[in-house]
Each structure stands twice: as C-alpha cells, then as structure tokens.
Amino acid sequence: MDLEALRAAARAGEASAQAALAWRFMRGEGLEKDPEQAVWWMGRAADQGDAEAQYRVAAWLCLLDRAGEAIGWWERAAAEGHRLAQRSLGHAYLHGHGVEACPNTARRWYAEAAGQGCEASRAAIDALNETP
C-alpha cells in the first residue's frame, strides 16, 4: 500500500493500517523517522484491543524513557495472554522499571509467560528461586 493510501486507512481507523504506519514512522520508511508519531499511531491500533500493538507501544515507550506509561499497555496485552507482555511486566517488577520493584509480582508475571512456553521467563523464575 502506498503511503498516502496507508495514511488514509489509518485516519479512517483501520488498526492494521495504524500499526503499519507506526512501523514506518519508527523505521523512517518513506517519511521522516519520528518515534513519537510511531507511538501515537501504534497507540491508536492498541486502543482497538490489538494485544500485539499494546505490547509494541509499551516497548517503544520504554525506548523513549517513558517506562511508567508502558506498564498499563503491557497490563492490557498481558490480560489478553500476550506472553512477551507478561515477561516484560515480570522484568519491570523485578527491576522497578516504571513501577515499584516487587519480586513476588515479578514472579507471578514470569510464571504466566512461562506457562505459555517462554523460556526466558522460566530462567528468570529459576534465578529468583536461587536468590536468598
């Protein structure tokens, strides 16, 4: 889809077009790279309930040093069963990124992701269990 058609579809509320336009802004494909615009457009797709878009907008917010804003998006995606969002919440709660550090909450989120086959989350749980 050419850029103008993509913009029109995104403005019309098509979540897939909004996400595609966000990626173009993030990568600078066919327009000036603009992470803030990328986050804004991905947020529009995320608002429509797209768990992958919710995960992605949170990840991009972290890249922009806005971890506190990311937590809510990860929570929404995690509630939809998005295992990378669950793992990311585990990491955030373990290290206090955007939230107060809480190893018990970290363990809970890691367990959710591990239950879906996330090996990195299993390793994190093992490391938490070895910590005195």
Protein backbone atom coordinates (compact mmCIF):
# COMPACT_ATOMS: atom_id res chain seq x y z
CA MET A 1 0.00 0.00 0.00
CA ASP A 2 1.44 3.40 -0.90
CA LEU A 3 2.00 5.90 1.87
CA GLU A 4 -0.99 8.15 1.11
CA ALA A 5 -3.39 5.19 0.97
CA LEU A 6 -1.90 3.91 4.22
CA ARG A 7 -2.36 7.29 5.90
CA ALA A 8 -5.96 7.46 4.69
CA ALA A 9 -6.73 3.97 6.01
CA ALA A 10 -5.04 4.79 9.33
CA ARG A 11 -7.05 8.01 9.67
CA ALA A 12 -10.20 6.01 8.89
CA GLY A 13 -9.48 3.84 11.92
CA GLU A 14 -8.12 0.63 10.38
CA ALA A 15 -5.98 -0.90 13.13
CA SER A 16 -3.70 -2.77 10.73
CA ALA A 17 -3.05 0.45 8.79
CA GLN A 18 -2.39 2.34 12.01
CA ALA A 19 0.15 -0.28 13.08
CA ALA A 20 1.78 -0.31 9.64
CA LEU A 21 2.04 3.49 9.63
CA ALA A 22 3.52 3.37 13.13
CA TRP A 23 6.22 0.97 11.91
CA ARG A 24 7.00 3.31 9.01
CA PHE A 25 7.42 6.23 11.42
CA MET A 26 9.59 4.12 13.73
CA ARG A 27 11.86 2.98 10.89
CA GLY A 28 11.73 6.14 8.78
CA GLU A 29 10.39 4.24 5.77
CA GLY A 30 9.11 6.71 3.17
CA LEU A 31 8.89 9.53 5.71
CA GLU A 32 10.99 11.14 8.40
CA LYS A 33 11.73 8.86 11.34
CA ASP A 34 9.58 10.00 14.26
CA PRO A 35 9.31 7.71 17.30
CA GLU A 36 6.70 9.94 18.96
CA GLN A 37 4.42 9.64 15.91
CA ALA A 38 5.14 5.91 15.86
CA VAL A 39 3.98 5.59 19.46
CA TRP A 40 0.90 7.70 18.75
CA TRP A 41 -0.20 5.61 15.75
CA MET A 42 0.58 2.30 17.45
CA GLY A 43 -1.46 3.57 20.39
CA ARG A 44 -4.45 4.05 18.10
CA ALA A 45 -4.19 0.41 17.00
CA ALA A 46 -3.67 -0.63 20.62
CA ASP A 47 -6.80 1.26 21.67
CA GLN A 48 -8.77 -1.09 19.43
CA GLY A 49 -7.75 -4.09 21.52
CA ASP A 50 -4.84 -5.39 19.43
CA ALA A 51 -2.61 -7.13 22.02
CA GLU A 52 0.46 -7.04 19.77
CA ALA A 53 0.00 -3.29 19.27
CA GLN A 54 -0.42 -2.86 23.04
CA TYR A 55 2.82 -4.75 23.63
CA ARG A 56 4.64 -2.80 20.94
CA VAL A 57 3.53 0.66 22.10
CA ALA A 58 4.76 -0.23 25.60
CA ALA A 59 8.12 -1.39 24.28
CA TRP A 60 8.51 1.79 22.26
CA LEU A 61 7.56 3.93 25.27
CA CYS A 62 10.41 2.27 27.16
CA LEU A 63 12.80 3.16 24.35
CA LEU A 64 11.70 6.75 24.86
CA ASP A 65 12.41 6.51 28.62
CA ARG A 66 8.69 6.50 29.47
CA ALA A 67 8.51 3.17 31.31
CA GLY A 68 5.80 4.41 33.66
CA GLU A 69 3.45 4.89 30.71
CA ALA A 70 4.34 1.46 29.33
CA ILE A 71 3.04 -0.54 32.29
CA GLY A 72 -0.65 0.00 31.54
CA TRP A 73 -0.20 -1.08 27.92
CA TRP A 74 1.69 -4.21 28.97
CA GLU A 75 -1.02 -5.00 31.51
CA ARG A 76 -3.68 -4.77 28.81
CA ALA A 77 -1.72 -7.01 26.45
CA ALA A 78 -0.86 -9.44 29.27
CA ALA A 79 -4.54 -9.72 30.16
CA GLU A 80 -5.09 -10.85 26.55
CA GLY A 81 -2.48 -13.57 27.08
CA HIS A 82 0.42 -11.88 25.27
CA ARG A 83 3.40 -13.75 26.69
CA LEU A 84 6.03 -11.14 25.80
CA ALA A 85 3.96 -8.52 27.63
CA GLN A 86 3.77 -10.87 30.61
CA ARG A 87 7.54 -11.36 30.51
CA SER A 88 8.08 -7.61 30.18
CA LEU A 89 5.92 -6.99 33.24
CA GLY A 90 7.97 -9.57 35.13
CA HIS A 91 11.13 -7.70 34.18
CA ALA A 92 9.62 -4.32 35.07
CA TYR A 93 8.50 -5.52 38.51
CA LEU A 94 11.78 -7.29 39.17
CA HIS A 95 13.89 -4.23 38.38
CA GLY A 96 11.49 -1.42 39.28
CA HIS A 97 11.15 -0.01 35.75
CA GLY A 98 8.06 2.19 35.75
CA VAL A 99 6.72 0.52 38.91
CA GLU A 100 7.90 -0.16 42.42
CA ALA A 101 10.08 -3.26 42.44
CA CYS A 102 8.22 -6.31 43.73
CA PRO A 103 9.80 -9.74 43.29
CA ASN A 104 6.54 -11.54 44.10
CA THR A 105 4.67 -9.68 41.36
CA ALA A 106 7.59 -10.27 39.01
CA ARG A 107 7.44 -13.98 39.74
CA ARG A 108 3.68 -14.05 39.03
CA TRP A 109 4.11 -12.40 35.62
CA TYR A 110 7.08 -14.57 34.74
CA ALA A 111 5.02 -17.64 35.67
CA GLU A 112 2.21 -16.52 33.33
CA ALA A 113 4.67 -16.19 30.45
CA ALA A 114 6.48 -19.41 31.33
CA GLY A 115 3.14 -21.21 31.28
CA GLN A 116 2.94 -20.25 27.61
CA GLY A 117 6.38 -21.61 26.80
CA CYS A 118 8.55 -18.53 27.36
CA GLU A 119 11.95 -19.99 28.22
CA ALA A 120 13.41 -16.62 29.26
CA SER A 121 10.67 -16.37 31.87
CA ARG A 122 11.41 -19.87 33.15
CA ALA A 123 15.06 -18.89 33.52
CA ALA A 124 14.05 -15.72 35.39
CA ILE A 125 11.94 -17.77 37.80
CA ASP A 126 14.84 -20.14 38.37
CA ALA A 127 17.10 -17.17 39.11
CA LEU A 128 14.52 -15.72 41.52
CA ASN A 129 14.27 -19.07 43.29
CA GLU A 130 18.04 -19.17 43.76
CA THR A 131 18.08 -15.69 45.31
CA PRO A 132 18.14 -15.86 49.12
